[in-house]
Each structure stands twice: as C-alpha cells, then as structure tokens.
C-alpha cells in the first residue's frame, strides 16, 4: 500500500527536500518517477524559549512563505523516506502529515 506525505517547506528548500525524498524511493507512480505536487501558502509558528528557529526568533510569532509539498511512497519505505525528509529539511521541527492511500 502507498502512503501520501505532505510536508511544508520554505521555497528555497524545495528542490533539496524533493531530491532527498526521491532518492529515498518516494515519488513513483506507475511508470513515472519524481512525481510531486506543491502549492504556496503561509506557515505560522511561535518558538518557545528552548527552540532554535531557522527563520525568525524565539518568543516572536513568525509568518513564513512556504510550499505544501505532496508526494507518495510505498509503506515499506516509510522509515527511509521520513529520515530523508528530516535530514534535508532546514527546520528544527518540520510540519508534515502522512495518509494511507487505499
């Protein structure tokens, strides 16, 4: 069964995160590779006193232009795909969702 990964990335990190995901085995649909979809939006966050934000500063709410990146991957590659996403993502705590595809 496949899963869908949705991750929110700053625009400048898009290609790095996509490449890491594809290298880990994500983005394959039938005879096609490097399949993904993305759209622009605004992410918000407020870092605690113990945070180390990549963008902005702790204790101050930030509004960041981000891209919602979606791709699919086989569930047996879950650990590899998530590890690749975390390693390539610039944020201390990347926001992401995973959905099973039926």
PDB file of N, CA and C in Angstrom:
ATOM      1  N   UNK A   1       0.843  -1.182   0.000  1.00  0.00           N
ATOM      2  CA  UNK A   1       0.000   0.000   0.000  1.00  0.00           C
ATOM      3  C   UNK A   1       0.887   1.244   0.000  1.00  0.00           C
ATOM      4  N   UNK A   2       0.457   2.260  -0.685  1.00  0.00           N
ATOM      5  CA  UNK A   2       1.179   3.522  -0.718  1.00  0.00           C
ATOM      6  C   UNK A   2       0.685   4.470   0.362  1.00  0.00           C
ATOM      7  N   UNK A   3       1.531   5.406   0.689  1.00  0.00           N
ATOM      8  CA  UNK A   3       1.194   6.478   1.618  1.00  0.00           C
ATOM      9  C   UNK A   3       1.458   7.805   0.931  1.00  0.00           C
ATOM     10  N   UNK A   4       0.755   8.832   1.381  1.00  0.00           N
ATOM     11  CA  UNK A   4       0.995  10.186   0.889  1.00  0.00           C
ATOM     12  C   UNK A   4       1.656  10.985   1.996  1.00  0.00           C
ATOM     13  N   UNK A   5       2.741  11.649   1.640  1.00  0.00           N
ATOM     14  CA  UNK A   5       3.438  12.540   2.553  1.00  0.00           C
ATOM     15  C   UNK A   5       3.150  13.969   2.129  1.00  0.00           C
ATOM     16  N   UNK A   6       2.755  14.781   3.083  1.00  0.00           N
ATOM     17  CA  UNK A   6       2.578  16.219   2.877  1.00  0.00           C
ATOM     18  C   UNK A   6       3.524  16.898   3.858  1.00  0.00           C
ATOM     19  N   UNK A   7       4.403  17.743   3.336  1.00  0.00           N
ATOM     20  CA  UNK A   7       5.366  18.441   4.181  1.00  0.00           C
ATOM     21  C   UNK A   7       5.427  19.901   3.746  1.00  0.00           C
ATOM     22  N   UNK A   8       5.585  20.784   4.708  1.00  0.00           N
ATOM     23  CA  UNK A   8       5.614  22.216   4.462  1.00  0.00           C
ATOM     24  C   UNK A   8       7.063  22.696   4.489  1.00  0.00           C
ATOM     25  N   UNK A   9       7.519  23.283   3.386  1.00  0.00           N
ATOM     26  CA  UNK A   9       8.927  23.662   3.250  1.00  0.00           C
ATOM     27  C   UNK A   9       9.059  25.107   2.772  1.00  0.00           C
ATOM     28  N   UNK A  10      10.101  25.808   3.220  1.00  0.00           N
ATOM     29  CA  UNK A  10      10.356  27.124   2.640  1.00  0.00           C
ATOM     30  C   UNK A  10      10.772  26.945   1.180  1.00  0.00           C
ATOM     31  N   UNK A  11      10.427  27.902   0.344  1.00  0.00           N
ATOM     32  CA  UNK A  11      10.664  27.805  -1.098  1.00  0.00           C
ATOM     33  C   UNK A  11      12.110  27.434  -1.435  1.00  0.00           C
ATOM     34  N   UNK A  12      13.063  28.032  -0.730  1.00  0.00           N
ATOM     35  CA  UNK A  12      14.468  27.787  -1.061  1.00  0.00           C
ATOM     36  C   UNK A  12      14.923  26.361  -0.755  1.00  0.00           C
ATOM     37  N   UNK A  13      14.140  25.610   0.021  1.00  0.00           N
ATOM     38  CA  UNK A  13      14.495  24.225   0.363  1.00  0.00           C
ATOM     39  C   UNK A  13      13.740  23.197  -0.483  1.00  0.00           C
ATOM     40  N   UNK A  14      12.855  23.649  -1.350  1.00  0.00           N
ATOM     41  CA  UNK A  14      12.011  22.725  -2.115  1.00  0.00           C
ATOM     42  C   UNK A  14      12.817  21.687  -2.879  1.00  0.00           C
ATOM     43  N   UNK A  15      13.747  22.102  -3.698  1.00  0.00           N
ATOM     44  CA  UNK A  15      14.484  21.145  -4.532  1.00  0.00           C
ATOM     45  C   UNK A  15      15.317  20.178  -3.700  1.00  0.00           C
ATOM     46  N   UNK A  16      15.914  20.663  -2.621  1.00  0.00           N
ATOM     47  CA  UNK A  16      16.707  19.792  -1.750  1.00  0.00           C
ATOM     48  C   UNK A  16      15.835  18.720  -1.098  1.00  0.00           C
ATOM     49  N   UNK A  17      14.662  19.107  -0.593  1.00  0.00           N
ATOM     50  CA  UNK A  17      13.767  18.149   0.059  1.00  0.00           C
ATOM     51  C   UNK A  17      13.194  17.173  -0.969  1.00  0.00           C
ATOM     52  N   UNK A  18      12.756  17.674  -2.128  1.00  0.00           N
ATOM     53  CA  UNK A  18      12.242  16.786  -3.182  1.00  0.00           C
ATOM     54  C   UNK A  18      13.288  15.753  -3.589  1.00  0.00           C
ATOM     55  N   UNK A  19      14.511  16.196  -3.819  1.00  0.00           N
ATOM     56  CA  UNK A  19      15.580  15.278  -4.237  1.00  0.00           C
ATOM     57  C   UNK A  19      15.831  14.206  -3.183  1.00  0.00           C
ATOM     58  N   UNK A  20      15.861  14.592  -1.918  1.00  0.00           N
ATOM     59  CA  UNK A  20      16.078  13.625  -0.840  1.00  0.00           C
ATOM     60  C   UNK A  20      14.949  12.604  -0.795  1.00  0.00           C
ATOM     61  N   UNK A  21      13.719  13.071  -0.949  1.00  0.00           N
ATOM     62  CA  UNK A  21      12.581  12.159  -0.943  1.00  0.00           C
ATOM     63  C   UNK A  21      12.647  11.192  -2.121  1.00  0.00           C
ATOM     64  N   UNK A  22      12.945  11.703  -3.305  1.00  0.00           N
ATOM     65  CA  UNK A  22      13.018  10.855  -4.490  1.00  0.00           C
ATOM     66  C   UNK A  22      14.165   9.852  -4.370  1.00  0.00           C
ATOM     67  N   UNK A  23      15.299  10.272  -3.830  1.00  0.00           N
ATOM     68  CA  UNK A  23      16.429   9.356  -3.632  1.00  0.00           C
ATOM     69  C   UNK A  23      16.089   8.241  -2.650  1.00  0.00           C
ATOM     70  N   UNK A  24      15.165   8.515  -1.716  1.00  0.00           N
ATOM     71  CA  UNK A  24      14.748   7.511  -0.730  1.00  0.00           C
ATOM     72  C   UNK A  24      13.643   6.600  -1.258  1.00  0.00           C
ATOM     73  N   UNK A  25      13.168   6.842  -2.479  1.00  0.00           N
ATOM     74  CA  UNK A  25      12.166   5.963  -3.081  1.00  0.00           C
ATOM     75  C   UNK A  25      10.775   6.539  -3.185  1.00  0.00           C
ATOM     76  N   UNK A  26      10.587   7.798  -2.805  1.00  0.00           N
ATOM     77  CA  UNK A  26       9.268   8.430  -2.927  1.00  0.00           C
ATOM     78  C   UNK A  26       9.081   8.962  -4.347  1.00  0.00           C
ATOM     79  N   UNK A  27       7.832   9.278  -4.681  1.00  0.00           N
ATOM     80  CA  UNK A  27       7.538   9.945  -5.942  1.00  0.00           C
ATOM     81  C   UNK A  27       7.363   9.043  -7.147  1.00  0.00           C
ATOM     82  N   UNK A  28       7.120   7.765  -6.934  1.00  0.00           N
ATOM     83  CA  UNK A  28       6.911   6.842  -8.057  1.00  0.00           C
ATOM     84  C   UNK A  28       5.434   6.498  -8.178  1.00  0.00           C
ATOM     85  N   UNK A  29       4.886   6.721  -9.371  1.00  0.00           N
ATOM     86  CA  UNK A  29       3.500   6.350  -9.680  1.00  0.00           C
ATOM     87  C   UNK A  29       3.539   5.618 -11.012  1.00  0.00           C
ATOM     88  N   UNK A  30       3.308   4.308 -10.964  1.00  0.00           N
ATOM     89  CA  UNK A  30       3.353   3.508 -12.185  1.00  0.00           C
ATOM     90  C   UNK A  30       4.704   3.623 -12.861  1.00  0.00           C
ATOM     91  N   UNK A  31       4.700   4.023 -14.105  1.00  0.00           N
ATOM     92  CA  UNK A  31       5.932   4.160 -14.890  1.00  0.00           C
ATOM     93  C   UNK A  31       6.550   5.558 -14.794  1.00  0.00           C
ATOM     94  N   UNK A  32       6.131   6.351 -13.810  1.00  0.00           N
ATOM     95  CA  UNK A  32       6.629   7.725 -13.658  1.00  0.00           C
ATOM     96  C   UNK A  32       7.384   7.875 -12.346  1.00  0.00           C
ATOM     97  N   UNK A  33       8.429   8.676 -12.370  1.00  0.00           N
ATOM     98  CA  UNK A  33       9.214   8.973 -11.171  1.00  0.00           C
ATOM     99  C   UNK A  33       9.229  10.483 -10.935  1.00  0.00           C
ATOM    100  N   UNK A  34       9.680  10.868  -9.761  1.00  0.00           N
ATOM    101  CA  UNK A  34       9.784  12.280  -9.360  1.00  0.00           C
ATOM    102  C   UNK A  34       8.417  12.966  -9.393  1.00  0.00           C
ATOM    103  N   UNK A  35       7.373  12.221  -9.043  1.00  0.00           N
ATOM    104  CA  UNK A  35       6.014  12.772  -9.017  1.00  0.00           C
ATOM    105  C   UNK A  35       5.799  13.515  -7.694  1.00  0.00           C
ATOM    106  N   UNK A  36       5.373  14.755  -7.801  1.00  0.00           N
ATOM    107  CA  UNK A  36       5.036  15.537  -6.617  1.00  0.00           C
ATOM    108  C   UNK A  36       4.103  16.655  -7.031  1.00  0.00           C
ATOM    109  N   UNK A  37       3.572  17.333  -6.043  1.00  0.00           N
ATOM    110  CA  UNK A  37       2.692  18.481  -6.262  1.00  0.00           C
ATOM    111  C   UNK A  37       2.992  19.468  -5.160  1.00  0.00           C
ATOM    112  N   UNK A  38       2.974  20.759  -5.487  1.00  0.00           N
ATOM    113  CA  UNK A  38       3.158  21.759  -4.442  1.00  0.00           C
ATOM    114  C   UNK A  38       2.395  23.035  -4.766  1.00  0.00           C
ATOM    115  N   UNK A  39       2.062  23.747  -3.691  1.00  0.00           N
ATOM    116  CA  UNK A  39       1.317  24.998  -3.792  1.00  0.00           C
ATOM    117  C   UNK A  39       1.797  25.924  -2.677  1.00  0.00           C
ATOM    118  N   UNK A  40       1.743  27.224  -2.918  1.00  0.00           N
ATOM    119  CA  UNK A  40       2.223  28.213  -1.950  1.00  0.00           C
ATOM    120  C   UNK A  40       1.182  28.525  -0.879  1.00  0.00           C
ATOM    121  N   UNK A  41       1.668  28.870   0.286  1.00  0.00           N
ATOM    122  CA  UNK A  41       0.822  29.282   1.405  1.00  0.00           C
ATOM    123  C   UNK A  41       1.672  29.979   2.446  1.00  0.00           C
ATOM    124  N   UNK A  42       1.095  30.240   3.594  1.00  0.00           N
ATOM    125  CA  UNK A  42       1.799  30.904   4.682  1.00  0.00           C
ATOM    126  C   UNK A  42       1.758  30.030   5.926  1.00  0.00           C
ATOM    127  N   UNK A  43       2.918  29.730   6.473  1.00  0.00           N
ATOM    128  CA  UNK A  43       3.010  28.985   7.719  1.00  0.00           C
ATOM    129  C   UNK A  43       3.245  29.946   8.869  1.00  0.00           C
ATOM    130  N   UNK A  44       2.729  29.615  10.043  1.00  0.00           N
ATOM    131  CA  UNK A  44       2.947  30.436  11.229  1.00  0.00           C
ATOM    132  C   UNK A  44       3.473  29.567  12.362  1.00  0.00           C
ATOM    133  N   UNK A  45       4.277  30.161  13.229  1.00  0.00           N
ATOM    134  CA  UNK A  45       4.779  29.446  14.402  1.00  0.00           C
ATOM    135  C   UNK A  45       5.313  30.434  15.422  1.00  0.00           C
ATOM    136  N   UNK A  46       5.376  29.978  16.652  1.00  0.00           N
ATOM    137  CA  UNK A  46       5.907  30.758  17.766  1.00  0.00           C
ATOM    138  C   UNK A  46       6.828  29.834  18.543  1.00  0.00           C
ATOM    139  N   UNK A  47       8.132  30.068  18.463  1.00  0.00           N
ATOM    140  CA  UNK A  47       9.103  29.212  19.141  1.00  0.00           C
ATOM    141  C   UNK A  47       9.181  29.500  20.628  1.00  0.00           C
ATOM    142  N   UNK A  48       9.328  28.427  21.414  1.00  0.00           N
ATOM    143  CA  UNK A  48       9.481  28.579  22.865  1.00  0.00           C
ATOM    144  C   UNK A  48      10.882  29.086  23.192  1.00  0.00           C
ATOM    145  N   UNK A  49      11.135  29.315  24.475  1.00  0.00           N
ATOM    146  CA  UNK A  49      12.449  29.787  24.928  1.00  0.00           C
ATOM    147  C   UNK A  49      13.546  28.762  24.645  1.00  0.00           C
ATOM    148  N   UNK A  50      13.174  27.484  24.483  1.00  0.00           N
ATOM    149  CA  UNK A  50      14.156  26.428  24.232  1.00  0.00           C
ATOM    150  C   UNK A  50      14.296  26.097  22.750  1.00  0.00           C
ATOM    151  N   UNK A  51      13.550  26.785  21.887  1.00  0.00           N
ATOM    152  CA  UNK A  51      13.609  26.497  20.447  1.00  0.00           C
ATOM    153  C   UNK A  51      14.832  27.155  19.807  1.00  0.00           C
ATOM    154  N   UNK A  52      15.157  26.652  18.623  1.00  0.00           N
ATOM    155  CA  UNK A  52      16.233  27.234  17.801  1.00  0.00           C
ATOM    156  C   UNK A  52      15.701  27.418  16.390  1.00  0.00           C
ATOM    157  N   UNK A  53      14.832  28.413  16.170  1.00  0.00           N
ATOM    158  CA  UNK A  53      14.199  28.556  14.864  1.00  0.00           C
ATOM    159  C   UNK A  53      15.199  28.881  13.757  1.00  0.00           C
ATOM    160  N   UNK A  54      15.005  28.246  12.612  1.00  0.00           N
ATOM    161  CA  UNK A  54      15.826  28.512  11.430  1.00  0.00           C
ATOM    162  C   UNK A  54      15.506  29.892  10.887  1.00  0.00           C
ATOM    163  N   UNK A  55      14.243  30.257  10.969  1.00  0.00           N
ATOM    164  CA  UNK A  55      13.761  31.550  10.478  1.00  0.00           C
ATOM    165  C   UNK A  55      13.149  32.291  11.658  1.00  0.00           C
ATOM    166  N   UNK A  56      13.453  33.562  11.796  1.00  0.00           N
ATOM    167  CA  UNK A  56      12.870  34.371  12.864  1.00  0.00           C
ATOM    168  C   UNK A  56      13.581  34.184  14.185  1.00  0.00           C
ATOM    169  N   UNK A  57      12.856  34.468  15.271  1.00  0.00           N
ATOM    170  CA  UNK A  57      13.450  34.371  16.594  1.00  0.00           C
ATOM    171  C   UNK A  57      12.462  33.785  17.579  1.00  0.00           C
ATOM    172  N   UNK A  58      12.990  33.138  18.603  1.00  0.00           N
ATOM    173  CA  UNK A  58      12.122  32.520  19.611  1.00  0.00           C
ATOM    174  C   UNK A  58      11.333  33.593  20.352  1.00  0.00           C
ATOM    175  N   UNK A  59      10.121  33.218  20.759  1.00  0.00           N
ATOM    176  CA  UNK A  59       9.279  34.141  21.502  1.00  0.00           C
ATOM    177  C   UNK A  59       8.532  35.153  20.648  1.00  0.00           C
ATOM    178  N   UNK A  60       8.689  35.094  19.336  1.00  0.00           N
ATOM    179  CA  UNK A  60       8.015  36.035  18.452  1.00  0.00           C
ATOM    180  C   UNK A  60       7.325  35.243  17.338  1.00  0.00           C
ATOM    181  N   UNK A  61       6.016  35.466  17.179  1.00  0.00           N
ATOM    182  CA  UNK A  61       5.299  34.733  16.133  1.00  0.00           C
ATOM    183  C   UNK A  61       5.850  35.088  14.757  1.00  0.00           C
ATOM    184  N   UNK A  62       6.061  34.060  13.961  1.00  0.00           N
ATOM    185  CA  UNK A  62       6.599  34.230  12.610  1.00  0.00           C
ATOM    186  C   UNK A  62       5.548  33.841  11.583  1.00  0.00           C
ATOM    187  N   UNK A  63       5.575  34.507  10.449  1.00  0.00           N
ATOM    188  CA  UNK A  63       4.744  34.168   9.289  1.00  0.00           C
ATOM    189  C   UNK A  63       5.703  33.988   8.130  1.00  0.00           C
ATOM    190  N   UNK A  64       5.704  32.781   7.567  1.00  0.00           N
ATOM    191  CA  UNK A  64       6.700  32.412   6.574  1.00  0.00           C
ATOM    192  C   UNK A  64       6.023  31.907   5.308  1.00  0.00           C
ATOM    193  N   UNK A  65       6.481  32.381   4.174  1.00  0.00           N
ATOM    194  CA  UNK A  65       6.021  31.861   2.893  1.00  0.00           C
ATOM    195  C   UNK A  65       6.576  30.449   2.741  1.00  0.00           C
ATOM    196  N   UNK A  66       5.686  29.486   2.597  1.00  0.00           N
ATOM    197  CA  UNK A  66       6.090  28.084   2.487  1.00  0.00           C
ATOM    198  C   UNK A  66       5.358  27.431   1.321  1.00  0.00           C
ATOM    199  N   UNK A  67       5.843  26.256   0.966  1.00  0.00           N
ATOM    200  CA  UNK A  67       5.184  25.432  -0.041  1.00  0.00           C
ATOM    201  C   UNK A  67       4.690  24.154   0.623  1.00  0.00           C
ATOM    202  N   UNK A  68       3.475  23.766   0.275  1.00  0.00           N
ATOM    203  CA  UNK A  68       2.924  22.484   0.708  1.00  0.00           C
ATOM    204  C   UNK A  68       3.327  21.488  -0.365  1.00  0.00           C
ATOM    205  N   UNK A  69       4.232  20.594  -0.028  1.00  0.00           N
ATOM    206  CA  UNK A  69       4.767  19.602  -0.953  1.00  0.00           C
ATOM    207  C   UNK A  69       4.113  18.255  -0.670  1.00  0.00           C
ATOM    208  N   UNK A  70       3.589  17.623  -1.713  1.00  0.00           N
ATOM    209  CA  UNK A  70       2.962  16.309  -1.581  1.00  0.00           C
ATOM    210  C   UNK A  70       3.648  15.323  -2.507  1.00  0.00           C
ATOM    211  N   UNK A  71       3.814  14.099  -2.018  1.00  0.00           N
ATOM    212  CA  UNK A  71       4.316  13.009  -2.839  1.00  0.00           C
ATOM    213  C   UNK A  71       3.845  11.698  -2.217  1.00  0.00           C
ATOM    214  N   UNK A  72       4.046  10.608  -2.935  1.00  0.00           N
ATOM    215  CA  UNK A  72       3.639   9.292  -2.451  1.00  0.00           C
ATOM    216  C   UNK A  72       4.874   8.410  -2.291  1.00  0.00           C
ATOM    217  N   UNK A  73       4.709   7.362  -1.478  1.00  0.00           N
ATOM    218  CA  UNK A  73       5.791   6.392  -1.310  1.00  0.00           C
ATOM    219  C   UNK A  73       5.208   5.067  -0.827  1.00  0.00           C
ATOM    220  N   UNK A  74       5.889   3.949  -1.112  1.00  0.00           N
ATOM    221  CA  UNK A  74       5.419   2.656  -0.612  1.00  0.00           C
ATOM    222  C   UNK A  74       5.631   2.571   0.901  1.00  0.00           C
ATOM    223  N   UNK A  75       4.655   2.016   1.602  1.00  0.00           N
ATOM    224  CA  UNK A  75       4.736   1.994   3.063  1.00  0.00           C
ATOM    225  C   UNK A  75       5.984   1.284   3.582  1.00  0.00           C
ATOM    226  N   UNK A  76       6.527   0.330   2.829  1.00  0.00           N
ATOM    227  CA  UNK A  76       7.722  -0.376   3.310  1.00  0.00           C
ATOM    228  C   UNK A  76       8.963   0.529   3.323  1.00  0.00           C
ATOM    229  N   UNK A  77       8.883   1.693   2.676  1.00  0.00           N
ATOM    230  CA  UNK A  77       9.997   2.653   2.695  1.00  0.00           C
ATOM    231  C   UNK A  77       9.766   3.799   3.684  1.00  0.00           C
ATOM    232  N   UNK A  78       8.786   3.633   4.558  1.00  0.00           N
ATOM    233  CA  UNK A  78       8.404   4.715   5.471  1.00  0.00           C
ATOM    234  C   UNK A  78       9.598   5.295   6.244  1.00  0.00           C
ATOM    235  N   UNK A  79      10.340   4.446   6.939  1.00  0.00           N
ATOM    236  CA  UNK A  79      11.438   4.945   7.773  1.00  0.00           C
ATOM    237  C   UNK A  79      12.487   5.692   6.946  1.00  0.00           C
ATOM    238  N   UNK A  80      12.817   5.158   5.778  1.00  0.00           N
ATOM    239  CA  UNK A  80      13.828   5.786   4.922  1.00  0.00           C
ATOM    240  C   UNK A  80      13.346   7.129   4.389  1.00  0.00           C
ATOM    241  N   UNK A  81      12.084   7.195   3.966  1.00  0.00           N
ATOM    242  CA  UNK A  81      11.535   8.428   3.403  1.00  0.00           C
ATOM    243  C   UNK A  81      11.458   9.526   4.466  1.00  0.00           C
ATOM    244  N   UNK A  82      10.966   9.185   5.645  1.00  0.00           N
ATOM    245  CA  UNK A  82      10.846  10.185   6.709  1.00  0.00           C
ATOM    246  C   UNK A  82      12.231  10.637   7.181  1.00  0.00           C
ATOM    247  N   UNK A  83      13.176   9.721   7.287  1.00  0.00           N
ATOM    248  CA  UNK A  83      14.539  10.101   7.678  1.00  0.00           C
ATOM    249  C   UNK A  83      15.168  11.032   6.634  1.00  0.00           C
ATOM    250  N   UNK A  84      14.942  10.746   5.356  1.00  0.00           N
ATOM    251  CA  UNK A  84      15.481  11.594   4.284  1.00  0.00           C
ATOM    252  C   UNK A  84      14.857  12.983   4.331  1.00  0.00           C
ATOM    253  N   UNK A  85      13.541  13.044   4.556  1.00  0.00           N
ATOM    254  CA  UNK A  85      12.855  14.325   4.641  1.00  0.00           C
ATOM    255  C   UNK A  85      13.408  15.143   5.808  1.00  0.00           C
ATOM    256  N   UNK A  86      13.540  14.530   6.965  1.00  0.00           N
ATOM    257  CA  UNK A  86      14.053  15.246   8.141  1.00  0.00           C
ATOM    258  C   UNK A  86      15.488  15.728   7.930  1.00  0.00           C
ATOM    259  N   UNK A  87      16.321  14.911   7.303  1.00  0.00           N
ATOM    260  CA  UNK A  87      17.724  15.275   7.085  1.00  0.00           C
ATOM    261  C   UNK A  87      17.858  16.444   6.103  1.00  0.00           C
ATOM    262  N   UNK A  88      16.982  16.508   5.108  1.00  0.00           N
ATOM    263  CA  UNK A  88      17.079  17.550   4.080  1.00  0.00           C
ATOM    264  C   UNK A  88      16.344  18.833   4.464  1.00  0.00           C
ATOM    265  N   UNK A  89      15.398  18.734   5.376  1.00  0.00           N
ATOM    266  CA  UNK A  89      14.565  19.885   5.737  1.00  0.00           C
ATOM    267  C   UNK A  89      15.344  20.841   6.632  1.00  0.00           C
ATOM    268  N   UNK A  90      15.248  22.148   6.390  1.00  0.00           N
ATOM    269  CA  UNK A  90      16.023  23.099   7.196  1.00  0.00           C
ATOM    270  C   UNK A  90      15.443  23.393   8.579  1.00  0.00           C
ATOM    271  N   UNK A  91      14.178  23.044   8.817  1.00  0.00           N
ATOM    272  CA  UNK A  91      13.552  23.394  10.096  1.00  0.00           C
ATOM    273  C   UNK A  91      13.945  22.416  11.197  1.00  0.00           C
ATOM    274  N   UNK A  92      14.001  22.937  12.420  1.00  0.00           N
ATOM    275  CA  UNK A  92      14.250  22.117  13.605  1.00  0.00           C
ATOM    276  C   UNK A  92      13.138  21.078  13.780  1.00  0.00           C
ATOM    277  N   UNK A  93      11.886  21.475  13.542  1.00  0.00           N
ATOM    278  CA  UNK A  93      10.719  20.597  13.648  1.00  0.00           C
ATOM    279  C   UNK A  93       9.854  20.749  12.399  1.00  0.00           C
ATOM    280  N   UNK A  94      10.138  20.010  11.337  1.00  0.00           N
ATOM    281  CA  UNK A  94       9.292  20.148  10.138  1.00  0.00           C
ATOM    282  C   UNK A  94       7.864  19.679  10.403  1.00  0.00           C
ATOM    283  N   UNK A  95       6.903  20.410   9.834  1.00  0.00           N
ATOM    284  CA  UNK A  95       5.494  20.019   9.946  1.00  0.00           C
ATOM    285  C   UNK A  95       5.164  19.124   8.757  1.00  0.00           C
ATOM    286  N   UNK A  96       4.598  17.934   9.044  1.00  0.00           N
ATOM    287  CA  UNK A  96       4.242  17.024   7.959  1.00  0.00           C
ATOM    288  C   UNK A  96       3.092  16.119   8.378  1.00  0.00           C
ATOM    289  N   UNK A  97       2.384  15.618   7.374  1.00  0.00           N
ATOM    290  CA  UNK A  97       1.270  14.688   7.557  1.00  0.00           C
ATOM    291  C   UNK A  97       1.515  13.465   6.689  1.00  0.00           C
ATOM    292  N   UNK A  98       0.991  12.311   7.152  1.00  0.00           N
ATOM    293  CA  UNK A  98       1.074  11.075   6.376  1.00  0.00           C
ATOM    294  C   UNK A  98      -0.315  10.455   6.333  1.00  0.00           C
ATOM    295  N   UNK A  99      -0.724  10.057   5.124  1.00  0.00           N
ATOM    296  CA  UNK A  99      -2.034   9.434   4.926  1.00  0.00           C
ATOM    297  C   UNK A  99      -1.869   8.107   4.205  1.00  0.00           C
ATOM    298  N   UNK A 100      -2.585   7.056   4.651  1.00  0.00           N
ATOM    299  CA  UNK A 100      -2.586   5.823   3.866  1.00  0.00           C
ATOM    300  C   UNK A 100      -3.443   6.008   2.624  1.00  0.00           C
ATOM    301  N   UNK A 101      -3.020   5.458   1.508  1.00  0.00           N
ATOM    302  CA  UNK A 101      -3.797   5.514   0.278  1.00  0.00           C
ATOM    303  C   UNK A 101      -4.428   4.158   0.058  1.00  0.00           C
ATOM    304  N   UNK A 102      -5.733   4.130  -0.061  1.00  0.00           N
ATOM    305  CA  UNK A 102      -6.462   2.871  -0.220  1.00  0.00           C
ATOM    306  C   UNK A 102      -6.675   2.533  -1.671  1.00  0.00           C
TER     307      UNK A 102
END
